[in-house]
C-alpha atoms as a PDB file:
ATOM      1  CA  MET A   1     -29.244  21.046 -51.268  1.00  0.00           C
ATOM      2  CA  ASN A   2     -30.238  17.382 -51.664  1.00  0.00           C
ATOM      3  CA  LYS A   3     -31.585  15.273 -48.796  1.00  0.00           C
ATOM      4  CA  ARG A   4     -28.242  13.575 -48.022  1.00  0.00           C
ATOM      5  CA  HIS A   5     -26.407  16.902 -47.731  1.00  0.00           C
ATOM      6  CA  PHE A   6     -29.211  18.363 -45.653  1.00  0.00           C
ATOM      7  CA  LEU A   7     -29.132  15.457 -43.164  1.00  0.00           C
ATOM      8  CA  ARG A   8     -25.336  15.614 -42.924  1.00  0.00           C
ATOM      9  CA  ALA A   9     -25.454  19.366 -42.199  1.00  0.00           C
ATOM     10  CA  LEU A  10     -28.215  18.837 -39.623  1.00  0.00           C
ATOM     11  CA  LEU A  11     -26.178  16.103 -37.892  1.00  0.00           C
ATOM     12  CA  CYS A  12     -23.054  18.282 -37.738  1.00  0.00           C
ATOM     13  CA  THR A  13     -25.046  21.168 -36.292  1.00  0.00           C
ATOM     14  CA  THR A  14     -26.601  18.884 -33.665  1.00  0.00           C
ATOM     15  CA  LEU A  15     -23.241  17.412 -32.650  1.00  0.00           C
ATOM     16  CA  ALA A  16     -21.663  20.852 -32.391  1.00  0.00           C
ATOM     17  CA  ALA A  17     -24.519  22.077 -30.239  1.00  0.00           C
ATOM     18  CA  SER A  18     -24.276  19.009 -28.001  1.00  0.00           C
ATOM     19  CA  ALA A  19     -20.540  19.497 -27.593  1.00  0.00           C
ATOM     20  CA  GLY A  20     -21.102  23.120 -26.682  1.00  0.00           C
ATOM     21  CA  ILE A  21     -23.701  22.175 -24.086  1.00  0.00           C
ATOM     22  CA  THR A  22     -21.369  19.547 -22.586  1.00  0.00           C
ATOM     23  CA  MET A  23     -18.448  21.986 -22.357  1.00  0.00           C
ATOM     24  CA  GLN A  24     -20.699  24.641 -20.851  1.00  0.00           C
ATOM     25  CA  ALA A  25     -22.044  22.149 -18.289  1.00  0.00           C
ATOM     26  CA  GLN A  26     -18.531  21.142 -17.313  1.00  0.00           C
ATOM     27  CA  ALA A  27     -17.331  24.724 -17.121  1.00  0.00           C
ATOM     28  CA  ASP A  28     -20.307  25.578 -14.865  1.00  0.00           C
ATOM     29  CA  SER A  29     -19.529  22.801 -12.370  1.00  0.00           C
ATOM     30  CA  LEU A  30     -18.320  25.233  -9.693  1.00  0.00           C
ATOM     31  CA  ALA A  31     -21.386  27.431 -10.192  1.00  0.00           C
ATOM     32  CA  ALA A  32     -23.633  24.359  -9.879  1.00  0.00           C
ATOM     33  CA  ALA A  33     -21.892  23.300  -6.657  1.00  0.00           C
ATOM     34  CA  LEU A  34     -22.231  26.801  -5.215  1.00  0.00           C
ATOM     35  CA  LYS A  35     -25.898  26.855  -6.151  1.00  0.00           C
ATOM     36  CA  SER A  36     -26.619  23.431  -4.615  1.00  0.00           C
ATOM     37  CA  GLY A  37     -24.391  24.059  -1.613  1.00  0.00           C
ATOM     38  CA  THR A  38     -22.707  20.675  -2.042  1.00  0.00           C
ATOM     39  CA  LEU A  39     -19.307  19.600  -3.344  1.00  0.00           C
ATOM     40  CA  ARG A  40     -19.193  15.941  -4.431  1.00  0.00           C
ATOM     41  CA  VAL A  41     -15.766  14.453  -3.778  1.00  0.00           C
ATOM     42  CA  ALA A  42     -14.616  10.946  -4.742  1.00  0.00           C
ATOM     43  CA  VAL A  43     -12.242   9.558  -2.098  1.00  0.00           C
ATOM     44  CA  PRO A  44     -10.500   6.195  -1.534  1.00  0.00           C
ATOM     45  CA  GLN A  45     -12.106   3.575   0.681  1.00  0.00           C
ATOM     46  CA  ASP A  46      -9.383   0.923   0.629  1.00  0.00           C
ATOM     47  CA  PHE A  47      -6.031   2.722   0.782  1.00  0.00           C
ATOM     48  CA  PRO A  48      -4.966   3.756   4.283  1.00  0.00           C
ATOM     49  CA  PRO A  49      -3.803   6.208   5.454  1.00  0.00           C
ATOM     50  CA  PHE A  50      -5.264   8.178   2.524  1.00  0.00           C
ATOM     51  CA  GLY A  51      -8.723   6.707   2.842  1.00  0.00           C
ATOM     52  CA  THR A  52     -10.347   3.900   4.752  1.00  0.00           C
ATOM     53  CA  VAL A  53     -13.355   3.151   6.957  1.00  0.00           C
ATOM     54  CA  GLY A  54     -12.977   3.845  10.670  1.00  0.00           C
ATOM     55  CA  PRO A  55     -14.408   1.916  13.629  1.00  0.00           C
ATOM     56  CA  ASP A  56     -17.501   4.120  13.394  1.00  0.00           C
ATOM     57  CA  LEU A  57     -17.929   2.963   9.753  1.00  0.00           C
ATOM     58  CA  LYS A  58     -17.261   6.502   8.518  1.00  0.00           C
ATOM     59  CA  PRO A  59     -14.572   7.422   5.942  1.00  0.00           C
ATOM     60  CA  ARG A  60     -11.313   8.648   7.465  1.00  0.00           C
ATOM     61  CA  GLY A  61      -7.829   9.477   6.267  1.00  0.00           C
ATOM     62  CA  TYR A  62      -5.600  12.078   4.636  1.00  0.00           C
ATOM     63  CA  ASP A  63      -7.773  12.515   1.541  1.00  0.00           C
ATOM     64  CA  ILE A  64     -10.978  12.810   3.542  1.00  0.00           C
ATOM     65  CA  ASP A  65      -9.431  15.553   5.673  1.00  0.00           C
ATOM     66  CA  VAL A  66      -8.300  17.421   2.552  1.00  0.00           C
ATOM     67  CA  ALA A  67     -11.766  17.091   0.979  1.00  0.00           C
ATOM     68  CA  ASN A  68     -13.377  18.559   4.093  1.00  0.00           C
ATOM     69  CA  LEU A  69     -10.875  21.433   4.236  1.00  0.00           C
ATOM     70  CA  ILE A  70     -11.549  22.324   0.593  1.00  0.00           C
ATOM     71  CA  GLY A  71     -15.283  22.194   1.275  1.00  0.00           C
ATOM     72  CA  ARG A  72     -14.838  24.450   4.294  1.00  0.00           C
ATOM     73  CA  GLU A  73     -12.887  27.030   2.295  1.00  0.00           C
ATOM     74  CA  LEU A  74     -15.477  26.990  -0.509  1.00  0.00           C
ATOM     75  CA  LYS A  75     -18.260  27.185   2.117  1.00  0.00           C
ATOM     76  CA  LEU A  76     -19.832  24.026   0.727  1.00  0.00           C
ATOM     77  CA  LYS A  77     -21.108  20.847   2.325  1.00  0.00           C
ATOM     78  CA  VAL A  78     -18.925  17.913   1.269  1.00  0.00           C
ATOM     79  CA  GLU A  79     -20.588  14.777  -0.061  1.00  0.00           C
ATOM     80  CA  ILE A  80     -18.061  11.955   0.298  1.00  0.00           C
ATOM     81  CA  ILE A  81     -18.254   9.379  -2.504  1.00  0.00           C
ATOM     82  CA  PRO A  82     -16.154   6.235  -1.794  1.00  0.00           C
ATOM     83  CA  VAL A  83     -14.310   4.926  -4.867  1.00  0.00           C
ATOM     84  CA  SER A  84     -11.595   2.435  -5.753  1.00  0.00           C
ATOM     85  CA  SER A  85      -8.478   3.026  -7.833  1.00  0.00           C
ATOM     86  CA  ALA A  86     -10.220   1.514 -10.860  1.00  0.00           C
ATOM     87  CA  ASN A  87     -13.366   3.655 -10.878  1.00  0.00           C
ATOM     88  CA  ARG A  88     -12.201   7.007  -9.453  1.00  0.00           C
ATOM     89  CA  ILE A  89     -11.556   8.678 -12.849  1.00  0.00           C
ATOM     90  CA  PRO A  90     -14.738   7.272 -14.476  1.00  0.00           C
ATOM     91  CA  TYR A  91     -16.745   8.739 -11.570  1.00  0.00           C
ATOM     92  CA  LEU A  92     -15.301  12.133 -12.432  1.00  0.00           C
ATOM     93  CA  ASN A  93     -15.722  11.800 -16.210  1.00  0.00           C
ATOM     94  CA  THR A  94     -19.371  10.698 -15.923  1.00  0.00           C
ATOM     95  CA  GLY A  95     -20.335  13.574 -13.641  1.00  0.00           C
ATOM     96  CA  LYS A  96     -20.824  11.495 -10.490  1.00  0.00           C
ATOM     97  CA  ALA A  97     -18.213  13.598  -8.681  1.00  0.00           C
ATOM     98  CA  ASP A  98     -16.913  17.165  -8.926  1.00  0.00           C
ATOM     99  CA  LEU A  99     -13.421  16.305  -7.648  1.00  0.00           C
ATOM    100  CA  VAL A 100     -11.292  13.218  -7.162  1.00  0.00           C
ATOM    101  CA  ILE A 101      -9.113  13.338  -4.049  1.00  0.00           C
ATOM    102  CA  SER A 102      -7.834   9.787  -4.027  1.00  0.00           C
ATOM    103  CA  SER A 103      -4.006   9.606  -3.790  1.00  0.00           C
ATOM    104  CA  LEU A 104      -4.032  10.333  -7.518  1.00  0.00           C
ATOM    105  CA  GLY A 105      -0.705  10.513  -9.326  1.00  0.00           C
ATOM    106  CA  LYS A 106      -0.133  12.401 -12.565  1.00  0.00           C
ATOM    107  CA  ASN A 107       0.901  10.727 -15.828  1.00  0.00           C
ATOM    108  CA  PRO A 108       0.533  11.538 -19.567  1.00  0.00           C
ATOM    109  CA  ASP A 109      -2.385   9.145 -20.115  1.00  0.00           C
ATOM    110  CA  ARG A 110      -4.399  10.631 -17.277  1.00  0.00           C
ATOM    111  CA  GLU A 111      -3.588  14.167 -18.400  1.00  0.00           C
ATOM    112  CA  LYS A 112      -5.418  13.415 -21.665  1.00  0.00           C
ATOM    113  CA  VAL A 113      -8.735  12.923 -19.874  1.00  0.00           C
ATOM    114  CA  ILE A 114      -8.604  15.050 -16.699  1.00  0.00           C
ATOM    115  CA  ASP A 115      -6.787  18.072 -15.281  1.00  0.00           C
ATOM    116  CA  PHE A 116      -4.724  18.171 -12.102  1.00  0.00           C
ATOM    117  CA  SER A 117      -4.379  20.630  -9.262  1.00  0.00           C
ATOM    118  CA  THR A 118      -1.094  21.518  -7.628  1.00  0.00           C
ATOM    119  CA  ALA A 119       0.259  18.723  -5.411  1.00  0.00           C
ATOM    120  CA  TYR A 120      -1.338  18.361  -1.977  1.00  0.00           C
ATOM    121  CA  ALA A 121       0.310  15.207  -0.570  1.00  0.00           C
ATOM    122  CA  PRO A 122       3.686  13.486  -0.800  1.00  0.00           C
ATOM    123  CA  PHE A 123       3.855  10.016  -2.297  1.00  0.00           C
ATOM    124  CA  PHE A 124       7.266   8.576  -2.993  1.00  0.00           C
ATOM    125  CA  ASN A 125       9.548   5.578  -2.767  1.00  0.00           C
ATOM    126  CA  GLY A 126      12.842   5.946  -0.969  1.00  0.00           C
ATOM    127  CA  ILE A 127      15.344   4.636   1.509  1.00  0.00           C
ATOM    128  CA  PHE A 128      14.223   4.891   5.128  1.00  0.00           C
ATOM    129  CA  GLY A 129      16.081   4.294   8.357  1.00  0.00           C
ATOM    130  CA  PRO A 130      16.548   5.415  11.956  1.00  0.00           C
ATOM    131  CA  ALA A 131      17.532   8.973  12.814  1.00  0.00           C
ATOM    132  CA  GLU A 132      21.124   7.987  13.654  1.00  0.00           C
ATOM    133  CA  ALA A 133      21.778   6.437  10.216  1.00  0.00           C
ATOM    134  CA  ALA A 134      23.895   8.917   8.228  1.00  0.00           C
ATOM    135  CA  ILE A 135      22.528   8.135   4.767  1.00  0.00           C
ATOM    136  CA  LYS A 136      22.125  10.844   2.137  1.00  0.00           C
ATOM    137  CA  GLY A 137      22.462   8.933  -1.125  1.00  0.00           C
ATOM    138  CA  ALA A 138      22.830   5.478  -2.637  1.00  0.00           C
ATOM    139  CA  GLU A 139      26.604   5.529  -2.148  1.00  0.00           C
ATOM    140  CA  ASP A 140      26.089   5.758   1.636  1.00  0.00           C
ATOM    141  CA  THR A 141      24.353   2.371   1.701  1.00  0.00           C
ATOM    142  CA  ALA A 142      27.671   0.664   0.927  1.00  0.00           C
ATOM    143  CA  GLY A 143      28.298  -1.998   3.552  1.00  0.00           C
ATOM    144  CA  LYS A 144      24.723  -1.692   4.845  1.00  0.00           C
ATOM    145  CA  THR A 145      21.873  -4.203   4.761  1.00  0.00           C
ATOM    146  CA  VAL A 146      18.733  -2.926   3.031  1.00  0.00           C
ATOM    147  CA  GLY A 147      15.378  -4.715   3.153  1.00  0.00           C
ATOM    148  CA  VAL A 148      12.986  -4.482   0.218  1.00  0.00           C
ATOM    149  CA  THR A 149       9.801  -6.149  -0.989  1.00  0.00           C
ATOM    150  CA  ARG A 150      10.641  -8.460  -3.876  1.00  0.00           C
ATOM    151  CA  GLY A 151       9.642  -7.193  -7.319  1.00  0.00           C
ATOM    152  CA  SER A 152       8.369  -3.839  -6.074  1.00  0.00           C
ATOM    153  CA  VAL A 153       9.074  -0.533  -7.834  1.00  0.00           C
ATOM    154  CA  GLU A 154      11.627   0.336  -5.184  1.00  0.00           C
ATOM    155  CA  ASP A 155      13.308  -3.081  -5.529  1.00  0.00           C
ATOM    156  CA  LEU A 156      13.842  -2.577  -9.259  1.00  0.00           C
ATOM    157  CA  ALA A 157      14.905   1.069  -8.889  1.00  0.00           C
ATOM    158  CA  PHE A 158      17.257   0.607  -5.933  1.00  0.00           C
ATOM    159  CA  THR A 159      18.921  -2.445  -7.441  1.00  0.00           C
ATOM    160  CA  LYS A 160      20.087  -0.253 -10.332  1.00  0.00           C
ATOM    161  CA  ILE A 161      21.824   2.280  -8.077  1.00  0.00           C
ATOM    162  CA  ALA A 162      22.952   0.199  -5.093  1.00  0.00           C
ATOM    163  CA  PRO A 163      26.738  -0.114  -4.586  1.00  0.00           C
ATOM    164  CA  ALA A 164      28.203  -3.563  -5.174  1.00  0.00           C
ATOM    165  CA  ASP A 165      28.843  -4.120  -1.460  1.00  0.00           C
ATOM    166  CA  THR A 166      25.315  -3.191  -0.339  1.00  0.00           C
ATOM    167  CA  THR A 167      23.463  -6.264   0.926  1.00  0.00           C
ATOM    168  CA  VAL A 168      19.900  -6.240  -0.430  1.00  0.00           C
ATOM    169  CA  LYS A 169      17.569  -8.622   1.410  1.00  0.00           C
ATOM    170  CA  ARG A 170      14.309  -9.306  -0.406  1.00  0.00           C
ATOM    171  CA  PHE A 171      11.064 -10.251   1.306  1.00  0.00           C
ATOM    172  CA  GLU A 172       7.789 -11.507  -0.155  1.00  0.00           C
ATOM    173  CA  ASP A 173       5.502  -8.682   1.005  1.00  0.00           C
ATOM    174  CA  ASN A 174       5.502  -5.341   2.836  1.00  0.00           C
ATOM    175  CA  ASN A 175       4.622  -6.917   6.173  1.00  0.00           C
ATOM    176  CA  ALA A 176       7.666  -9.175   5.988  1.00  0.00           C
ATOM    177  CA  THR A 177       9.886  -6.228   5.055  1.00  0.00           C
ATOM    178  CA  ILE A 178       8.535  -4.206   7.989  1.00  0.00           C
ATOM    179  CA  SER A 179       8.973  -7.123  10.386  1.00  0.00           C
ATOM    180  CA  ALA A 180      12.589  -7.563   9.272  1.00  0.00           C
ATOM    181  CA  TYR A 181      13.342  -3.927  10.057  1.00  0.00           C
ATOM    182  CA  LEU A 182      11.586  -4.014  13.427  1.00  0.00           C
ATOM    183  CA  ALA A 183      13.470  -7.214  14.344  1.00  0.00           C
ATOM    184  CA  GLY A 184      16.806  -5.641  13.430  1.00  0.00           C
ATOM    185  CA  GLN A 185      17.451  -8.024  10.523  1.00  0.00           C
ATOM    186  CA  VAL A 186      18.065  -5.066   8.201  1.00  0.00           C
ATOM    187  CA  GLU A 187      19.438  -1.589   8.914  1.00  0.00           C
ATOM    188  CA  LEU A 188      17.421   0.254   6.265  1.00  0.00           C
ATOM    189  CA  ILE A 189      14.414  -0.420   4.086  1.00  0.00           C
ATOM    190  CA  ALA A 190      13.539   0.640   0.553  1.00  0.00           C
ATOM    191  CA  THR A 191       9.807   1.278   0.507  1.00  0.00           C
ATOM    192  CA  GLY A 192       7.055   3.875   0.057  1.00  0.00           C
ATOM    193  CA  ASN A 193       6.357   6.730   2.436  1.00  0.00           C
ATOM    194  CA  VAL A 194       2.912   5.257   3.166  1.00  0.00           C
ATOM    195  CA  VAL A 195       4.506   2.018   4.370  1.00  0.00           C
ATOM    196  CA  ALA A 196       7.018   4.005   6.440  1.00  0.00           C
ATOM    197  CA  ALA A 197       4.111   5.888   8.034  1.00  0.00           C
ATOM    198  CA  ALA A 198       2.506   2.564   8.979  1.00  0.00           C
ATOM    199  CA  VAL A 199       5.767   1.470  10.633  1.00  0.00           C
ATOM    200  CA  ASN A 200       5.964   4.691  12.634  1.00  0.00           C
ATOM    201  CA  GLU A 201       2.396   4.258  13.849  1.00  0.00           C
ATOM    202  CA  ARG A 202       2.971   0.617  14.747  1.00  0.00           C
ATOM    203  CA  ALA A 203       6.383   1.014  16.420  1.00  0.00           C
ATOM    204  CA  PRO A 204       7.307   4.640  17.222  1.00  0.00           C
ATOM    205  CA  GLU A 205      10.369   3.415  19.136  1.00  0.00           C
ATOM    206  CA  ARG A 206      11.829   2.277  15.782  1.00  0.00           C
ATOM    207  CA  LYS A 207      10.745   5.385  13.899  1.00  0.00           C
ATOM    208  CA  LEU A 208      11.781   5.633  10.263  1.00  0.00           C
ATOM    209  CA  GLU A 209      13.091   8.797   8.640  1.00  0.00           C
ATOM    210  CA  THR A 210      13.404   9.510   4.940  1.00  0.00           C
ATOM    211  CA  LYS A 211      17.047   9.252   3.899  1.00  0.00           C
ATOM    212  CA  PHE A 212      16.730   9.849   0.161  1.00  0.00           C
ATOM    213  CA  LEU A 213      14.139   9.489  -2.605  1.00  0.00           C
ATOM    214  CA  ILE A 214      14.172   6.821  -5.288  1.00  0.00           C
ATOM    215  CA  LYS A 215      11.033   7.888  -7.156  1.00  0.00           C
ATOM    216  CA  ASN A 216       8.740  10.837  -6.481  1.00  0.00           C
ATOM    217  CA  SER A 217       5.043  10.776  -7.454  1.00  0.00           C
ATOM    218  CA  PRO A 218       3.023  13.256  -5.354  1.00  0.00           C
ATOM    219  CA  CYS A 219      -0.767  13.286  -5.163  1.00  0.00           C
ATOM    220  CA  TYR A 220      -3.016  15.750  -6.997  1.00  0.00           C
ATOM    221  CA  VAL A 221      -6.715  16.619  -6.997  1.00  0.00           C
ATOM    222  CA  GLY A 222      -8.388  15.474 -10.217  1.00  0.00           C
ATOM    223  CA  VAL A 223     -10.761  17.845 -12.042  1.00  0.00           C
ATOM    224  CA  ASN A 224     -12.667  17.341 -15.280  1.00  0.00           C
ATOM    225  CA  LYS A 225     -11.333  18.937 -18.460  1.00  0.00           C
ATOM    226  CA  GLY A 226     -12.744  22.428 -18.953  1.00  0.00           C
ATOM    227  CA  GLU A 227     -13.352  23.049 -15.246  1.00  0.00           C
ATOM    228  CA  THR A 228     -11.034  26.066 -15.146  1.00  0.00           C
ATOM    229  CA  ALA A 229     -12.978  27.958 -12.481  1.00  0.00           C
ATOM    230  CA  LEU A 230     -13.152  24.992 -10.138  1.00  0.00           C
ATOM    231  CA  LEU A 231      -9.491  24.122 -10.720  1.00  0.00           C
ATOM    232  CA  ALA A 232      -8.411  27.691  -9.959  1.00  0.00           C
ATOM    233  CA  ARG A 233     -10.351  27.715  -6.677  1.00  0.00           C
ATOM    234  CA  VAL A 234      -8.938  24.337  -5.625  1.00  0.00           C
ATOM    235  CA  ASN A 235      -5.401  25.570  -6.308  1.00  0.00           C
ATOM    236  CA  GLU A 236      -6.073  28.705  -4.258  1.00  0.00           C
ATOM    237  CA  VAL A 237      -7.295  26.595  -1.345  1.00  0.00           C
ATOM    238  CA  ILE A 238      -4.314  24.224  -1.483  1.00  0.00           C
ATOM    239  CA  ALA A 239      -1.931  27.196  -1.474  1.00  0.00           C
ATOM    240  CA  LYS A 240      -3.758  28.701   1.512  1.00  0.00           C
ATOM    241  CA  LEU A 241      -3.668  25.396   3.440  1.00  0.00           C
ATOM    242  CA  LYS A 242       0.067  25.084   2.808  1.00  0.00           C
ATOM    243  CA  GLN A 243       0.668  28.668   3.915  1.00  0.00           C
ATOM    244  CA  SER A 244      -1.422  28.316   7.078  1.00  0.00           C
ATOM    245  CA  GLY A 245       0.237  25.046   8.071  1.00  0.00           C
ATOM    246  CA  GLU A 246      -3.061  23.123   8.085  1.00  0.00           C
ATOM    247  CA  LEU A 247      -1.950  20.822   5.282  1.00  0.00           C
ATOM    248  CA  ASN A 248       1.231  20.081   7.206  1.00  0.00           C
ATOM    249  CA  GLU A 249      -0.943  19.127  10.187  1.00  0.00           C
ATOM    250  CA  VAL A 250      -2.818  16.650   7.988  1.00  0.00           C
ATOM    251  CA  SER A 251       0.484  15.154   6.850  1.00  0.00           C
ATOM    252  CA  MET A 252       1.717  14.814  10.434  1.00  0.00           C
ATOM    253  CA  ARG A 253      -1.587  13.244  11.498  1.00  0.00           C
ATOM    254  CA  TRP A 254      -1.698  10.554   8.820  1.00  0.00           C
ATOM    255  CA  LEU A 255       1.849  10.176   7.477  1.00  0.00           C
ATOM    256  CA  HIS A 256       3.677  11.070  10.714  1.00  0.00           C
ATOM    257  CA  ALA A 257       6.002  13.287   8.694  1.00  0.00           C
ATOM    258  CA  PRO A 258       6.005  16.957   7.653  1.00  0.00           C
ATOM    259  CA  LEU A 259       5.237  18.020   4.115  1.00  0.00           C
ATOM    260  CA  PRO A 260       8.373  18.098   1.945  1.00  0.00           C
ATOM    261  CA  ALA A 261       9.630  21.655   1.462  1.00  0.00           C
ATOM    262  CA  ASP A 262       9.414  21.325  -2.328  1.00  0.00           C
ATOM    263  CA  LEU A 263       5.859  19.951  -2.498  1.00  0.00           C
END
């Protein structure tokens, strides 16, 4: 074997060994957490009610509660790592966190780089209105006035399915859309369930109920590729929390609505 072939073979062997070490390290993430006694969880810091900073300057929200419940079930101390939407997946990929619980939706691009648990939180756009409004589908909005934030996902989606005689009033931001509903300028609003939860907290006398969904994109726990043991345990915990009703309590606390039956 000449020198060039020898070096090429040595390089291939080294790369293969490195890859094996990396995969083994990832696959042993749960074992490492159990050994250290700490589960590192990346959570949002700027997206209420899923994650924000409370008056005591401590993280609070839906995702923080879920992180602590998973830690409790795994009998591990939870280390909360605040992240933004932009850096939450890189924190996971670079080993700075064991899990991402950050209102994370699933899509094909993300599925190439991380794995996802079963869904733990509802996140959707839909039509919302008062309890007495008998609305079950787009056709029932005929003759009604629906408020929506201009250019939003729900604006584009609802416009495609709204009957010709539905009056769609567009506002420049979510606050304006909310204010229009609270002032009685519109009968219904097309928005996200997080915005609806904010309305219900702000004005319970004008409580919004989900009438029908426009687009569904629930939240999942993010886990690194190859972390099959950790992923399996997280899924077991989520199933247990759903069965016990504790996850429903989290939803009621932060979203002011029960978990959807099909979550």
